[in-house]
Amino acid sequence: MAREIEGTTIFEGGQAMKGYQLNKMCFSFNDPENRKAFLADQAAYMDKYKLTKEQREALASGSVLKMIEAGGNAYYLAKLAGILGLGVQDIGAQQTGMTVEAFKQKLLDQARQ
């Protein structure tokens, strides 16, 4: 029986298989030349790794949460998020459903407590 946590995509065996190509592509970004190739022609780079329509749409959206739903592993997606110009606060804002500004303010407010 699969575990369920409301509002959370659990990364388990099925998700790992679903996201294998996406995660393999993200792992390739450890090489700076691959990052350059991706930025030069994202569609061709995604073709090389045979990404699904869902994975391509998730990448196009810039939503890390959608990338996770498409089988992405958070650890592999970190490199991709950096390439897309997303920082930790951008991802935190996505996860909490807040704007980046509101999320930053929340962090500052919590630090003052």
N, C-alpha and C. Protein backbone atom coordinates (compact mmCIF):
# COMPACT_ATOMS: atom_id res chain seq x y z
N MET A 1 0.84 -1.18 0.00
CA MET A 1 0.00 0.00 0.00
C MET A 1 0.89 1.25 0.00
N ALA A 2 0.62 2.16 -0.91
CA ALA A 2 1.40 3.39 -1.02
C ALA A 2 1.04 4.35 0.11
N ARG A 3 2.05 5.00 0.65
CA ARG A 3 1.81 6.01 1.68
C ARG A 3 1.25 7.26 1.03
N GLU A 4 0.42 7.96 1.77
CA GLU A 4 -0.13 9.21 1.27
C GLU A 4 -0.01 10.28 2.34
N ILE A 5 0.48 11.44 1.92
CA ILE A 5 0.52 12.61 2.78
C ILE A 5 -0.13 13.71 1.96
N GLU A 6 -1.24 14.22 2.44
CA GLU A 6 -2.01 15.21 1.67
C GLU A 6 -1.12 16.37 1.22
N GLY A 7 -1.19 16.68 -0.07
CA GLY A 7 -0.44 17.79 -0.64
C GLY A 7 1.02 17.50 -0.90
N THR A 8 1.44 16.25 -0.74
CA THR A 8 2.85 15.89 -0.90
C THR A 8 2.99 14.74 -1.88
N THR A 9 3.93 14.89 -2.81
CA THR A 9 4.25 13.79 -3.71
C THR A 9 5.33 12.96 -3.04
N ILE A 10 5.03 11.71 -2.78
CA ILE A 10 5.98 10.80 -2.14
C ILE A 10 6.90 10.23 -3.22
N PHE A 11 8.20 10.36 -3.02
CA PHE A 11 9.16 9.80 -3.98
C PHE A 11 9.45 8.36 -3.56
N GLU A 12 8.79 7.45 -4.26
CA GLU A 12 8.96 6.02 -3.99
C GLU A 12 9.27 5.33 -5.31
N GLY A 13 9.22 4.03 -5.35
CA GLY A 13 9.62 3.28 -6.53
C GLY A 13 8.93 3.69 -7.81
N GLY A 14 7.62 3.88 -7.76
CA GLY A 14 6.88 4.29 -8.95
C GLY A 14 7.30 5.65 -9.46
N GLN A 15 7.50 6.58 -8.53
CA GLN A 15 7.96 7.91 -8.90
C GLN A 15 9.38 7.86 -9.46
N ALA A 16 10.20 7.02 -8.89
CA ALA A 16 11.58 6.88 -9.37
C ALA A 16 11.59 6.39 -10.82
N MET A 17 10.75 5.41 -11.11
CA MET A 17 10.68 4.90 -12.48
C MET A 17 10.10 5.96 -13.41
N LYS A 18 9.06 6.63 -12.96
CA LYS A 18 8.42 7.67 -13.76
C LYS A 18 9.41 8.78 -14.11
N GLY A 19 10.25 9.15 -13.18
CA GLY A 19 11.16 10.27 -13.36
C GLY A 19 12.57 9.92 -13.78
N TYR A 20 12.81 8.66 -14.11
CA TYR A 20 14.18 8.23 -14.38
C TYR A 20 14.88 9.12 -15.42
N GLN A 21 14.23 9.37 -16.55
CA GLN A 21 14.88 10.16 -17.60
C GLN A 21 15.10 11.61 -17.16
N LEU A 22 14.13 12.18 -16.47
CA LEU A 22 14.27 13.55 -15.96
C LEU A 22 15.43 13.64 -14.98
N ASN A 23 15.51 12.68 -14.07
CA ASN A 23 16.58 12.69 -13.08
C ASN A 23 17.94 12.42 -13.73
N LYS A 24 17.94 11.56 -14.73
CA LYS A 24 19.18 11.28 -15.46
C LYS A 24 19.67 12.56 -16.15
N MET A 25 18.73 13.31 -16.75
CA MET A 25 19.09 14.57 -17.38
C MET A 25 19.66 15.54 -16.35
N CYS A 26 18.99 15.66 -15.22
CA CYS A 26 19.46 16.58 -14.18
C CYS A 26 20.84 16.18 -13.67
N PHE A 27 21.10 14.88 -13.56
CA PHE A 27 22.42 14.42 -13.13
C PHE A 27 23.49 14.85 -14.14
N SER A 28 23.12 14.89 -15.42
CA SER A 28 24.09 15.29 -16.44
C SER A 28 24.58 16.72 -16.25
N PHE A 29 23.81 17.53 -15.52
CA PHE A 29 24.18 18.93 -15.32
C PHE A 29 25.36 19.10 -14.37
N ASN A 30 25.88 18.01 -13.83
CA ASN A 30 27.11 18.11 -13.05
C ASN A 30 28.27 18.55 -13.95
N ASP A 31 28.13 18.33 -15.24
CA ASP A 31 29.15 18.75 -16.22
C ASP A 31 28.76 20.12 -16.76
N PRO A 32 29.62 21.12 -16.61
CA PRO A 32 29.29 22.48 -17.08
C PRO A 32 28.96 22.54 -18.57
N GLU A 33 29.58 21.70 -19.36
CA GLU A 33 29.28 21.69 -20.79
C GLU A 33 27.84 21.27 -21.06
N ASN A 34 27.33 20.36 -20.26
CA ASN A 34 25.94 19.94 -20.41
C ASN A 34 24.98 21.05 -20.01
N ARG A 35 25.33 21.82 -19.00
CA ARG A 35 24.49 22.96 -18.62
C ARG A 35 24.43 23.97 -19.76
N LYS A 36 25.55 24.21 -20.40
CA LYS A 36 25.60 25.13 -21.54
C LYS A 36 24.75 24.59 -22.69
N ALA A 37 24.87 23.30 -22.96
CA ALA A 37 24.10 22.69 -24.05
C ALA A 37 22.60 22.80 -23.77
N PHE A 38 22.19 22.59 -22.54
CA PHE A 38 20.78 22.70 -22.17
C PHE A 38 20.28 24.12 -22.40
N LEU A 39 21.04 25.10 -21.95
CA LEU A 39 20.62 26.49 -22.10
C LEU A 39 20.60 26.91 -23.57
N ALA A 40 21.48 26.34 -24.38
CA ALA A 40 21.54 26.69 -25.80
C ALA A 40 20.33 26.16 -26.57
N ASP A 41 19.85 24.96 -26.20
CA ASP A 41 18.72 24.36 -26.92
C ASP A 41 18.02 23.37 -26.00
N GLN A 42 17.12 23.91 -25.18
CA GLN A 42 16.45 23.07 -24.18
C GLN A 42 15.65 21.94 -24.82
N ALA A 43 14.95 22.23 -25.91
CA ALA A 43 14.12 21.20 -26.55
C ALA A 43 14.98 20.04 -27.03
N ALA A 44 16.09 20.33 -27.66
CA ALA A 44 16.98 19.26 -28.16
C ALA A 44 17.56 18.48 -27.00
N TYR A 45 17.89 19.18 -25.92
CA TYR A 45 18.47 18.49 -24.77
C TYR A 45 17.43 17.57 -24.13
N MET A 46 16.19 18.02 -24.04
CA MET A 46 15.12 17.18 -23.49
C MET A 46 14.84 16.00 -24.41
N ASP A 47 14.94 16.23 -25.72
CA ASP A 47 14.78 15.12 -26.69
C ASP A 47 15.83 14.05 -26.45
N LYS A 48 17.05 14.49 -26.19
CA LYS A 48 18.16 13.56 -25.96
C LYS A 48 17.85 12.61 -24.81
N TYR A 49 17.13 13.09 -23.80
CA TYR A 49 16.80 12.28 -22.63
C TYR A 49 15.38 11.72 -22.67
N LYS A 50 14.69 11.95 -23.78
CA LYS A 50 13.34 11.38 -23.99
C LYS A 50 12.35 11.76 -22.88
N LEU A 51 12.36 13.04 -22.50
CA LEU A 51 11.43 13.49 -21.48
C LEU A 51 9.99 13.40 -21.99
N THR A 52 9.08 13.09 -21.08
CA THR A 52 7.67 12.99 -21.42
C THR A 52 7.06 14.38 -21.58
N LYS A 53 5.88 14.42 -22.12
CA LYS A 53 5.15 15.70 -22.26
C LYS A 53 4.95 16.33 -20.88
N GLU A 54 4.57 15.52 -19.89
CA GLU A 54 4.36 16.03 -18.52
C GLU A 54 5.65 16.65 -17.98
N GLN A 55 6.77 15.98 -18.19
CA GLN A 55 8.04 16.50 -17.70
C GLN A 55 8.43 17.79 -18.40
N ARG A 56 8.22 17.84 -19.70
CA ARG A 56 8.52 19.06 -20.47
C ARG A 56 7.66 20.23 -20.00
N GLU A 57 6.38 19.96 -19.78
CA GLU A 57 5.48 21.02 -19.30
C GLU A 57 5.87 21.49 -17.90
N ALA A 58 6.29 20.56 -17.07
CA ALA A 58 6.74 20.93 -15.72
C ALA A 58 7.97 21.82 -15.79
N LEU A 59 8.91 21.48 -16.66
CA LEU A 59 10.11 22.31 -16.83
C LEU A 59 9.73 23.69 -17.35
N ALA A 60 8.83 23.73 -18.34
CA ALA A 60 8.43 25.00 -18.92
C ALA A 60 7.74 25.90 -17.90
N SER A 61 7.05 25.29 -16.93
CA SER A 61 6.32 26.07 -15.93
C SER A 61 7.26 26.72 -14.91
N GLY A 62 8.45 26.14 -14.75
CA GLY A 62 9.38 26.63 -13.73
C GLY A 62 8.98 26.22 -12.32
N SER A 63 7.97 25.38 -12.20
CA SER A 63 7.50 24.94 -10.89
C SER A 63 8.23 23.66 -10.47
N VAL A 64 9.01 23.78 -9.43
CA VAL A 64 9.72 22.61 -8.91
C VAL A 64 8.72 21.57 -8.41
N LEU A 65 7.59 22.02 -7.86
CA LEU A 65 6.57 21.09 -7.38
C LEU A 65 6.01 20.25 -8.53
N LYS A 66 5.79 20.87 -9.69
CA LYS A 66 5.32 20.12 -10.86
C LYS A 66 6.41 19.16 -11.35
N MET A 67 7.66 19.58 -11.25
CA MET A 67 8.76 18.70 -11.64
C MET A 67 8.81 17.47 -10.73
N ILE A 68 8.55 17.68 -9.44
CA ILE A 68 8.51 16.56 -8.50
C ILE A 68 7.33 15.64 -8.82
N GLU A 69 6.18 16.23 -9.13
CA GLU A 69 5.01 15.43 -9.52
C GLU A 69 5.30 14.61 -10.77
N ALA A 70 6.17 15.15 -11.66
CA ALA A 70 6.51 14.47 -12.92
C ALA A 70 7.61 13.42 -12.71
N GLY A 71 7.96 13.16 -11.44
CA GLY A 71 8.94 12.12 -11.13
C GLY A 71 10.32 12.64 -10.75
N GLY A 72 10.46 13.94 -10.70
CA GLY A 72 11.76 14.51 -10.34
C GLY A 72 12.10 14.29 -8.88
N ASN A 73 13.36 14.02 -8.62
CA ASN A 73 13.88 13.87 -7.27
C ASN A 73 14.45 15.22 -6.85
N ALA A 74 14.09 15.69 -5.68
CA ALA A 74 14.49 17.02 -5.22
C ALA A 74 16.00 17.22 -5.29
N TYR A 75 16.77 16.19 -5.00
CA TYR A 75 18.23 16.33 -5.01
C TYR A 75 18.77 16.53 -6.42
N TYR A 76 18.20 15.84 -7.39
CA TYR A 76 18.62 16.02 -8.78
C TYR A 76 18.10 17.34 -9.34
N LEU A 77 16.90 17.72 -8.93
CA LEU A 77 16.30 18.95 -9.43
C LEU A 77 17.02 20.20 -8.94
N ALA A 78 17.78 20.11 -7.87
CA ALA A 78 18.48 21.28 -7.34
C ALA A 78 19.40 21.89 -8.39
N LYS A 79 20.10 21.07 -9.14
CA LYS A 79 20.99 21.59 -10.18
C LYS A 79 20.17 22.28 -11.27
N LEU A 80 19.06 21.68 -11.66
CA LEU A 80 18.20 22.27 -12.68
C LEU A 80 17.61 23.58 -12.20
N ALA A 81 17.18 23.62 -10.96
CA ALA A 81 16.60 24.85 -10.41
C ALA A 81 17.61 25.99 -10.51
N GLY A 82 18.87 25.69 -10.22
CA GLY A 82 19.92 26.71 -10.33
C GLY A 82 20.09 27.20 -11.76
N ILE A 83 20.04 26.29 -12.70
CA ILE A 83 20.17 26.65 -14.11
C ILE A 83 19.00 27.55 -14.53
N LEU A 84 17.82 27.26 -13.99
CA LEU A 84 16.63 28.04 -14.33
C LEU A 84 16.57 29.36 -13.54
N GLY A 85 17.56 29.60 -12.69
CA GLY A 85 17.62 30.84 -11.93
C GLY A 85 16.76 30.84 -10.67
N LEU A 86 16.39 29.66 -10.21
CA LEU A 86 15.58 29.57 -8.99
C LEU A 86 16.48 29.33 -7.79
N GLY A 87 16.33 30.16 -6.78
CA GLY A 87 17.08 29.98 -5.55
C GLY A 87 16.25 29.24 -4.51
N VAL A 88 16.84 29.00 -3.38
CA VAL A 88 16.18 28.27 -2.30
C VAL A 88 14.92 29.01 -1.85
N GLN A 89 14.96 30.33 -1.81
CA GLN A 89 13.78 31.08 -1.38
C GLN A 89 12.66 31.00 -2.41
N ASP A 90 13.02 30.93 -3.70
CA ASP A 90 11.99 30.75 -4.74
C ASP A 90 11.28 29.41 -4.54
N ILE A 91 12.07 28.38 -4.27
CA ILE A 91 11.50 27.04 -4.07
C ILE A 91 10.67 27.00 -2.80
N GLY A 92 11.16 27.61 -1.74
CA GLY A 92 10.39 27.67 -0.49
C GLY A 92 9.06 28.38 -0.69
N ALA A 93 9.07 29.44 -1.46
CA ALA A 93 7.82 30.16 -1.74
C ALA A 93 6.85 29.27 -2.51
N GLN A 94 7.36 28.52 -3.50
CA GLN A 94 6.50 27.60 -4.24
C GLN A 94 5.90 26.55 -3.30
N GLN A 95 6.71 26.03 -2.41
CA GLN A 95 6.25 24.97 -1.52
C GLN A 95 5.18 25.45 -0.54
N THR A 96 5.25 26.71 -0.16
CA THR A 96 4.30 27.24 0.82
C THR A 96 3.14 27.97 0.17
N GLY A 97 3.19 28.14 -1.16
CA GLY A 97 2.13 28.85 -1.86
C GLY A 97 2.17 30.35 -1.63
N MET A 98 3.34 30.86 -1.26
CA MET A 98 3.49 32.28 -0.99
C MET A 98 4.26 32.94 -2.12
N THR A 99 4.21 34.27 -2.16
CA THR A 99 5.10 34.98 -3.06
C THR A 99 6.50 34.92 -2.47
N VAL A 100 7.49 35.16 -3.29
CA VAL A 100 8.88 35.13 -2.81
C VAL A 100 9.07 36.20 -1.73
N GLU A 101 8.49 37.38 -1.97
CA GLU A 101 8.62 38.47 -1.01
C GLU A 101 8.00 38.11 0.34
N ALA A 102 6.81 37.51 0.29
CA ALA A 102 6.14 37.11 1.54
C ALA A 102 6.93 36.01 2.24
N PHE A 103 7.50 35.09 1.47
CA PHE A 103 8.29 34.02 2.08
C PHE A 103 9.54 34.59 2.75
N LYS A 104 10.21 35.52 2.08
CA LYS A 104 11.40 36.15 2.68
C LYS A 104 11.03 36.88 3.96
N GLN A 105 9.89 37.57 3.94
CA GLN A 105 9.45 38.29 5.13
C GLN A 105 9.15 37.32 6.26
N LYS A 106 8.54 36.19 5.93
CA LYS A 106 8.25 35.18 6.94
C LYS A 106 9.55 34.68 7.58
N LEU A 107 10.58 34.46 6.77
CA LEU A 107 11.87 34.03 7.31
C LEU A 107 12.47 35.10 8.22
N LEU A 108 12.39 36.35 7.81
CA LEU A 108 12.92 37.43 8.64
C LEU A 108 12.15 37.54 9.96
N ASP A 109 10.83 37.41 9.88
CA ASP A 109 10.01 37.50 11.09
C ASP A 109 10.34 36.36 12.06
N GLN A 110 10.53 35.17 11.53
CA GLN A 110 10.87 34.02 12.37
C GLN A 110 12.26 34.17 12.98
N ALA A 111 13.17 34.78 12.26
CA ALA A 111 14.53 34.98 12.77
C ALA A 111 14.55 35.95 13.94
N ARG A 112 13.59 36.87 13.96
CA ARG A 112 13.53 37.88 15.03
C ARG A 112 12.90 37.36 16.31
N GLN A 113 12.29 36.20 16.25
CA GLN A 113 11.59 35.66 17.43
C GLN A 113 12.55 35.07 18.41
